[in-house]
Amino acid sequence: MLPEPIAATISVTATLEKLGVRYLICGSLASTVHGLVRTTQDSDIVTELRPEHIQPFVRALEGEFYVDEESIASAVALHTSFNIIHRESMFKVDIFIPPISPFVREQLTRARRQVLAVKPQVDALVATAEDTLLAKLEWYRQGGEVSERQWRDVLGIMKVQEGNLDLVYLHRWAKELKVSDLLERALTEASA
């Protein structure tokens, strides 16, 4: 039996894969894959959901999840986000449909299959450690640099992935995303 967060997330990613929609798992679930384990109340998925996917997506998930087709259509049209709620566990899956920026394109291209549970074994596309770290730094900045949870996730990834991170990639995108100062601070704190 899979833990509810993983079971709910895998239902959604399996549906996206059947529909041929590019996606990646990001947020706290991705930071747990690459860093330190922590509990989460939701999972975050970035997708390239388009209008032609809306009805098949809703039909595939409406028995297992509470889904609002109108909010999904609005999020697709406006490149924002929506959430669906797993009926049995009340676990929330946040789905983001960002405008396709160079960084989002890079994240989707670099996403890798990661095992999320062993018995039974399930996997899905997860943002790389570097992209998860960069996104966390961006969210930390956008949130006014006060979220201890986001900062702990950043440091957890750096500590667990020490020696494996592509620092050239991190510095390049941190400059583009205007979080170079936060990256330097995190590198200093993680190595202390």
C-alpha atoms as a PDB file:
ATOM      1  CA  MET A   1       0.000   0.000   0.000  1.00  0.00           C
ATOM      2  CA  LEU A   2       1.438   3.379  -1.033  1.00  0.00           C
ATOM      3  CA  PRO A   3       1.477   6.349   1.341  1.00  0.00           C
ATOM      4  CA  GLU A   4      -1.416   8.682   0.455  1.00  0.00           C
ATOM      5  CA  PRO A   5       0.726  11.600  -0.804  1.00  0.00           C
ATOM      6  CA  ILE A   6       2.522   9.317  -3.250  1.00  0.00           C
ATOM      7  CA  ALA A   7      -0.609   7.381  -4.272  1.00  0.00           C
ATOM      8  CA  ALA A   8      -2.521  10.587  -5.015  1.00  0.00           C
ATOM      9  CA  THR A   9       0.402  12.151  -6.869  1.00  0.00           C
ATOM     10  CA  ILE A  10       1.020   9.020  -8.948  1.00  0.00           C
ATOM     11  CA  SER A  11      -2.658   8.912  -9.996  1.00  0.00           C
ATOM     12  CA  VAL A  12      -2.265  12.401 -11.403  1.00  0.00           C
ATOM     13  CA  THR A  13       1.112  11.832 -13.091  1.00  0.00           C
ATOM     14  CA  ALA A  14      -0.101   8.556 -14.631  1.00  0.00           C
ATOM     15  CA  THR A  15      -3.064  10.435 -16.107  1.00  0.00           C
ATOM     16  CA  LEU A  16      -0.795  13.157 -17.486  1.00  0.00           C
ATOM     17  CA  GLU A  17       1.443  10.519 -19.056  1.00  0.00           C
ATOM     18  CA  LYS A  18      -1.552   8.773 -20.692  1.00  0.00           C
ATOM     19  CA  LEU A  19      -2.627  12.127 -22.131  1.00  0.00           C
ATOM     20  CA  GLY A  20       0.900  12.874 -23.399  1.00  0.00           C
ATOM     21  CA  VAL A  21       1.224  15.998 -21.231  1.00  0.00           C
ATOM     22  CA  ARG A  22       4.726  17.003 -20.176  1.00  0.00           C
ATOM     23  CA  TYR A  23       5.016  17.466 -16.423  1.00  0.00           C
ATOM     24  CA  LEU A  24       7.360  17.343 -13.478  1.00  0.00           C
ATOM     25  CA  ILE A  25       6.922  16.960  -9.759  1.00  0.00           C
ATOM     26  CA  CYS A  26       8.443  19.876  -7.877  1.00  0.00           C
ATOM     27  CA  GLY A  27       8.028  21.498  -4.465  1.00  0.00           C
ATOM     28  CA  SER A  28       8.300  19.615  -1.198  1.00  0.00           C
ATOM     29  CA  LEU A  29       8.005  16.159  -2.750  1.00  0.00           C
ATOM     30  CA  ALA A  30      10.936  16.906  -5.074  1.00  0.00           C
ATOM     31  CA  SER A  31      12.973  18.392  -2.225  1.00  0.00           C
ATOM     32  CA  THR A  32      12.305  15.214  -0.207  1.00  0.00           C
ATOM     33  CA  VAL A  33      13.575  13.099  -3.128  1.00  0.00           C
ATOM     34  CA  HIS A  34      16.784  15.163  -3.321  1.00  0.00           C
ATOM     35  CA  GLY A  35      17.185  16.346   0.263  1.00  0.00           C
ATOM     36  CA  LEU A  36      15.744  15.751   3.702  1.00  0.00           C
ATOM     37  CA  VAL A  37      12.422  13.990   4.250  1.00  0.00           C
ATOM     38  CA  ARG A  38       9.594  16.113   5.581  1.00  0.00           C
ATOM     39  CA  THR A  39       5.845  15.841   5.750  1.00  0.00           C
ATOM     40  CA  THR A  40       3.742  17.762   3.297  1.00  0.00           C
ATOM     41  CA  GLN A  41       0.085  18.658   2.966  1.00  0.00           C
ATOM     42  CA  ASP A  42       0.157  18.714  -0.821  1.00  0.00           C
ATOM     43  CA  SER A  43       2.203  17.903  -3.872  1.00  0.00           C
ATOM     44  CA  ASP A  44       3.142  20.302  -6.644  1.00  0.00           C
ATOM     45  CA  ILE A  45       3.204  19.450 -10.333  1.00  0.00           C
ATOM     46  CA  VAL A  46       4.217  21.733 -13.207  1.00  0.00           C
ATOM     47  CA  THR A  47       2.469  20.806 -16.459  1.00  0.00           C
ATOM     48  CA  GLU A  48       1.946  21.860 -20.040  1.00  0.00           C
ATOM     49  CA  LEU A  49      -1.802  21.143 -19.827  1.00  0.00           C
ATOM     50  CA  ARG A  50      -3.643  22.594 -22.846  1.00  0.00           C
ATOM     51  CA  PRO A  51      -7.346  23.118 -23.603  1.00  0.00           C
ATOM     52  CA  GLU A  52      -7.679  19.800 -25.446  1.00  0.00           C
ATOM     53  CA  HIS A  53      -6.477  17.954 -22.326  1.00  0.00           C
ATOM     54  CA  ILE A  54      -9.013  19.421 -19.894  1.00  0.00           C
ATOM     55  CA  GLN A  55     -11.996  17.122 -20.452  1.00  0.00           C
ATOM     56  CA  PRO A  56      -9.993  13.871 -20.666  1.00  0.00           C
ATOM     57  CA  PHE A  57      -8.054  14.932 -17.540  1.00  0.00           C
ATOM     58  CA  VAL A  58     -11.260  15.638 -15.608  1.00  0.00           C
ATOM     59  CA  ARG A  59     -12.948  12.402 -16.770  1.00  0.00           C
ATOM     60  CA  ALA A  60      -9.938  10.308 -15.785  1.00  0.00           C
ATOM     61  CA  LEU A  61      -9.689  11.742 -12.264  1.00  0.00           C
ATOM     62  CA  GLU A  62     -13.187  12.837 -11.222  1.00  0.00           C
ATOM     63  CA  GLY A  63     -14.012   9.569  -9.454  1.00  0.00           C
ATOM     64  CA  GLU A  64     -10.909   9.641  -7.271  1.00  0.00           C
ATOM     65  CA  PHE A  65     -10.509  13.421  -6.888  1.00  0.00           C
ATOM     66  CA  TYR A  66     -12.661  16.464  -6.447  1.00  0.00           C
ATOM     67  CA  VAL A  67     -12.018  18.362  -9.685  1.00  0.00           C
ATOM     68  CA  ASP A  68     -13.528  21.620 -10.898  1.00  0.00           C
ATOM     69  CA  GLU A  69     -13.438  21.734 -14.687  1.00  0.00           C
ATOM     70  CA  GLU A  70     -14.130  25.474 -14.728  1.00  0.00           C
ATOM     71  CA  SER A  71     -11.137  26.302 -12.506  1.00  0.00           C
ATOM     72  CA  ILE A  72      -8.940  24.018 -14.599  1.00  0.00           C
ATOM     73  CA  ALA A  73     -10.041  25.741 -17.825  1.00  0.00           C
ATOM     74  CA  SER A  74      -9.363  29.137 -16.260  1.00  0.00           C
ATOM     75  CA  ALA A  75      -5.891  28.077 -15.089  1.00  0.00           C
ATOM     76  CA  VAL A  76      -5.049  26.715 -18.536  1.00  0.00           C
ATOM     77  CA  ALA A  77      -6.233  29.924 -20.240  1.00  0.00           C
ATOM     78  CA  LEU A  78      -4.445  32.247 -17.804  1.00  0.00           C
ATOM     79  CA  HIS A  79      -1.299  30.123 -17.169  1.00  0.00           C
ATOM     80  CA  THR A  80      -1.913  29.982 -13.431  1.00  0.00           C
ATOM     81  CA  SER A  81      -2.642  27.064 -11.113  1.00  0.00           C
ATOM     82  CA  PHE A  82      -5.483  24.951  -9.784  1.00  0.00           C
ATOM     83  CA  ASN A  83      -5.780  22.157  -7.276  1.00  0.00           C
ATOM     84  CA  ILE A  84      -7.565  18.860  -7.086  1.00  0.00           C
ATOM     85  CA  ILE A  85      -8.342  17.039  -3.863  1.00  0.00           C
ATOM     86  CA  HIS A  86      -8.104  13.303  -3.325  1.00  0.00           C
ATOM     87  CA  ARG A  87     -11.567  12.321  -2.063  1.00  0.00           C
ATOM     88  CA  GLU A  88     -10.488   9.556   0.318  1.00  0.00           C
ATOM     89  CA  SER A  89      -7.474  11.208   1.975  1.00  0.00           C
ATOM     90  CA  MET A  90      -8.255  14.902   1.349  1.00  0.00           C
ATOM     91  CA  PHE A  91      -4.674  15.206   0.051  1.00  0.00           C
ATOM     92  CA  LYS A  92      -4.302  18.192  -2.269  1.00  0.00           C
ATOM     93  CA  VAL A  93      -2.404  18.197  -5.563  1.00  0.00           C
ATOM     94  CA  ASP A  94      -1.499  21.685  -6.816  1.00  0.00           C
ATOM     95  CA  ILE A  95      -1.056  21.863 -10.569  1.00  0.00           C
ATOM     96  CA  PHE A  96       0.823  24.780 -12.085  1.00  0.00           C
ATOM     97  CA  ILE A  97       0.593  25.788 -15.733  1.00  0.00           C
ATOM     98  CA  PRO A  98       3.218  28.517 -16.020  1.00  0.00           C
ATOM     99  CA  PRO A  99       3.947  30.470 -19.162  1.00  0.00           C
ATOM    100  CA  ILE A 100       6.731  28.594 -20.913  1.00  0.00           C
ATOM    101  CA  SER A 101       9.793  30.616 -19.956  1.00  0.00           C
ATOM    102  CA  PRO A 102      13.345  29.491 -20.700  1.00  0.00           C
ATOM    103  CA  PHE A 103      13.683  28.210 -17.109  1.00  0.00           C
ATOM    104  CA  VAL A 104      10.403  26.255 -17.195  1.00  0.00           C
ATOM    105  CA  ARG A 105      11.421  24.743 -20.544  1.00  0.00           C
ATOM    106  CA  GLU A 106      14.795  23.782 -19.057  1.00  0.00           C
ATOM    107  CA  GLN A 107      13.146  22.230 -15.976  1.00  0.00           C
ATOM    108  CA  LEU A 108      10.785  20.124 -18.104  1.00  0.00           C
ATOM    109  CA  THR A 109      13.618  18.975 -20.350  1.00  0.00           C
ATOM    110  CA  ARG A 110      15.890  18.060 -17.437  1.00  0.00           C
ATOM    111  CA  ALA A 111      13.247  16.269 -15.306  1.00  0.00           C
ATOM    112  CA  ARG A 112      14.241  12.682 -14.518  1.00  0.00           C
ATOM    113  CA  ARG A 113      12.350   9.553 -13.518  1.00  0.00           C
ATOM    114  CA  GLN A 114      12.732   8.977  -9.815  1.00  0.00           C
ATOM    115  CA  VAL A 115      11.482   6.111  -7.709  1.00  0.00           C
ATOM    116  CA  LEU A 116       8.965   7.501  -5.206  1.00  0.00           C
ATOM    117  CA  ALA A 117       8.120   4.233  -3.448  1.00  0.00           C
ATOM    118  CA  VAL A 118       9.686   0.775  -3.434  1.00  0.00           C
ATOM    119  CA  LYS A 119       6.816  -1.602  -2.523  1.00  0.00           C
ATOM    120  CA  PRO A 120       5.163  -1.432  -4.922  1.00  0.00           C
ATOM    121  CA  GLN A 121       7.739   0.395  -6.992  1.00  0.00           C
ATOM    122  CA  VAL A 122       6.376   3.558  -8.563  1.00  0.00           C
ATOM    123  CA  ASP A 123       8.195   6.324 -10.336  1.00  0.00           C
ATOM    124  CA  ALA A 124       7.460   9.649 -11.975  1.00  0.00           C
ATOM    125  CA  LEU A 125       9.255  12.608 -13.531  1.00  0.00           C
ATOM    126  CA  VAL A 126      10.768  14.810 -10.843  1.00  0.00           C
ATOM    127  CA  ALA A 127      12.608  18.119 -11.173  1.00  0.00           C
ATOM    128  CA  THR A 128      16.375  17.709 -10.830  1.00  0.00           C
ATOM    129  CA  ALA A 129      18.084  18.643  -7.569  1.00  0.00           C
ATOM    130  CA  GLU A 130      19.445  21.830  -9.159  1.00  0.00           C
ATOM    131  CA  ASP A 131      16.068  22.888 -10.571  1.00  0.00           C
ATOM    132  CA  THR A 132      14.317  22.096  -7.291  1.00  0.00           C
ATOM    133  CA  LEU A 133      16.893  24.171  -5.444  1.00  0.00           C
ATOM    134  CA  LEU A 134      16.521  27.116  -7.843  1.00  0.00           C
ATOM    135  CA  ALA A 135      12.719  26.995  -7.671  1.00  0.00           C
ATOM    136  CA  LYS A 136      12.870  26.889  -3.861  1.00  0.00           C
ATOM    137  CA  LEU A 137      15.153  29.948  -3.879  1.00  0.00           C
ATOM    138  CA  GLU A 138      12.700  31.739  -6.172  1.00  0.00           C
ATOM    139  CA  TRP A 139       9.727  30.850  -3.928  1.00  0.00           C
ATOM    140  CA  TYR A 140      11.710  31.921  -0.877  1.00  0.00           C
ATOM    141  CA  ARG A 141      12.391  35.317  -2.462  1.00  0.00           C
ATOM    142  CA  GLN A 142       8.805  35.745  -3.672  1.00  0.00           C
ATOM    143  CA  GLY A 143       7.552  34.903  -0.170  1.00  0.00           C
ATOM    144  CA  GLY A 144       9.532  37.747   1.374  1.00  0.00           C
ATOM    145  CA  GLU A 145      12.443  35.507   2.470  1.00  0.00           C
ATOM    146  CA  VAL A 146      10.696  34.458   5.671  1.00  0.00           C
ATOM    147  CA  SER A 147       9.762  30.808   5.093  1.00  0.00           C
ATOM    148  CA  GLU A 148      11.983  28.684   7.321  1.00  0.00           C
ATOM    149  CA  ARG A 149      10.557  25.565   5.653  1.00  0.00           C
ATOM    150  CA  GLN A 150      11.657  26.683   2.163  1.00  0.00           C
ATOM    151  CA  TRP A 151      15.113  27.592   3.471  1.00  0.00           C
ATOM    152  CA  ARG A 152      15.469  24.246   5.285  1.00  0.00           C
ATOM    153  CA  ASP A 153      14.528  22.490   2.028  1.00  0.00           C
ATOM    154  CA  VAL A 154      17.253  24.428   0.177  1.00  0.00           C
ATOM    155  CA  LEU A 155      19.892  23.580   2.785  1.00  0.00           C
ATOM    156  CA  GLY A 156      18.720  19.952   2.946  1.00  0.00           C
ATOM    157  CA  ILE A 157      19.172  19.510  -0.795  1.00  0.00           C
ATOM    158  CA  MET A 158      22.622  21.115  -0.654  1.00  0.00           C
ATOM    159  CA  LYS A 159      23.763  18.907   2.214  1.00  0.00           C
ATOM    160  CA  VAL A 160      22.416  15.626   0.805  1.00  0.00           C
ATOM    161  CA  GLN A 161      23.608  16.402  -2.731  1.00  0.00           C
ATOM    162  CA  GLU A 162      26.973  17.816  -1.663  1.00  0.00           C
ATOM    163  CA  GLY A 163      29.540  17.203  -4.392  1.00  0.00           C
ATOM    164  CA  ASN A 164      26.849  16.168  -6.912  1.00  0.00           C
ATOM    165  CA  LEU A 165      25.327  19.537  -7.770  1.00  0.00           C
ATOM    166  CA  ASP A 166      26.148  21.225 -11.080  1.00  0.00           C
ATOM    167  CA  LEU A 167      27.406  24.537  -9.667  1.00  0.00           C
ATOM    168  CA  VAL A 168      27.914  26.115 -13.099  1.00  0.00           C
ATOM    169  CA  TYR A 169      24.251  25.437 -13.925  1.00  0.00           C
ATOM    170  CA  LEU A 170      23.137  26.724 -10.506  1.00  0.00           C
ATOM    171  CA  HIS A 171      25.103  29.977 -10.826  1.00  0.00           C
ATOM    172  CA  ARG A 172      23.922  30.582 -14.402  1.00  0.00           C
ATOM    173  CA  TRP A 173      20.235  30.165 -13.580  1.00  0.00           C
ATOM    174  CA  ALA A 174      20.481  31.908 -10.188  1.00  0.00           C
ATOM    175  CA  LYS A 175      21.730  34.976 -12.058  1.00  0.00           C
ATOM    176  CA  GLU A 176      18.857  34.716 -14.582  1.00  0.00           C
ATOM    177  CA  LEU A 177      16.292  34.262 -11.802  1.00  0.00           C
ATOM    178  CA  LYS A 178      17.843  37.049  -9.707  1.00  0.00           C
ATOM    179  CA  VAL A 179      18.572  34.816  -6.716  1.00  0.00           C
ATOM    180  CA  SER A 180      22.394  34.757  -6.897  1.00  0.00           C
ATOM    181  CA  ASP A 181      22.691  36.340  -3.460  1.00  0.00           C
ATOM    182  CA  LEU A 182      20.439  33.655  -1.961  1.00  0.00           C
ATOM    183  CA  LEU A 183      22.418  30.899  -3.676  1.00  0.00           C
ATOM    184  CA  GLU A 184      25.679  32.276  -2.247  1.00  0.00           C
ATOM    185  CA  ARG A 185      24.141  32.503   1.223  1.00  0.00           C
ATOM    186  CA  ALA A 186      22.843  28.928   0.981  1.00  0.00           C
ATOM    187  CA  LEU A 187      26.192  27.595  -0.240  1.00  0.00           C
ATOM    188  CA  THR A 188      27.915  29.274   2.708  1.00  0.00           C
ATOM    189  CA  GLU A 189      25.387  28.019   5.281  1.00  0.00           C
ATOM    190  CA  ALA A 190      25.338  24.467   3.871  1.00  0.00           C
ATOM    191  CA  SER A 191      29.123  24.177   4.051  1.00  0.00           C
ATOM    192  CA  ALA A 192      29.349  25.499   7.637  1.00  0.00           C
END
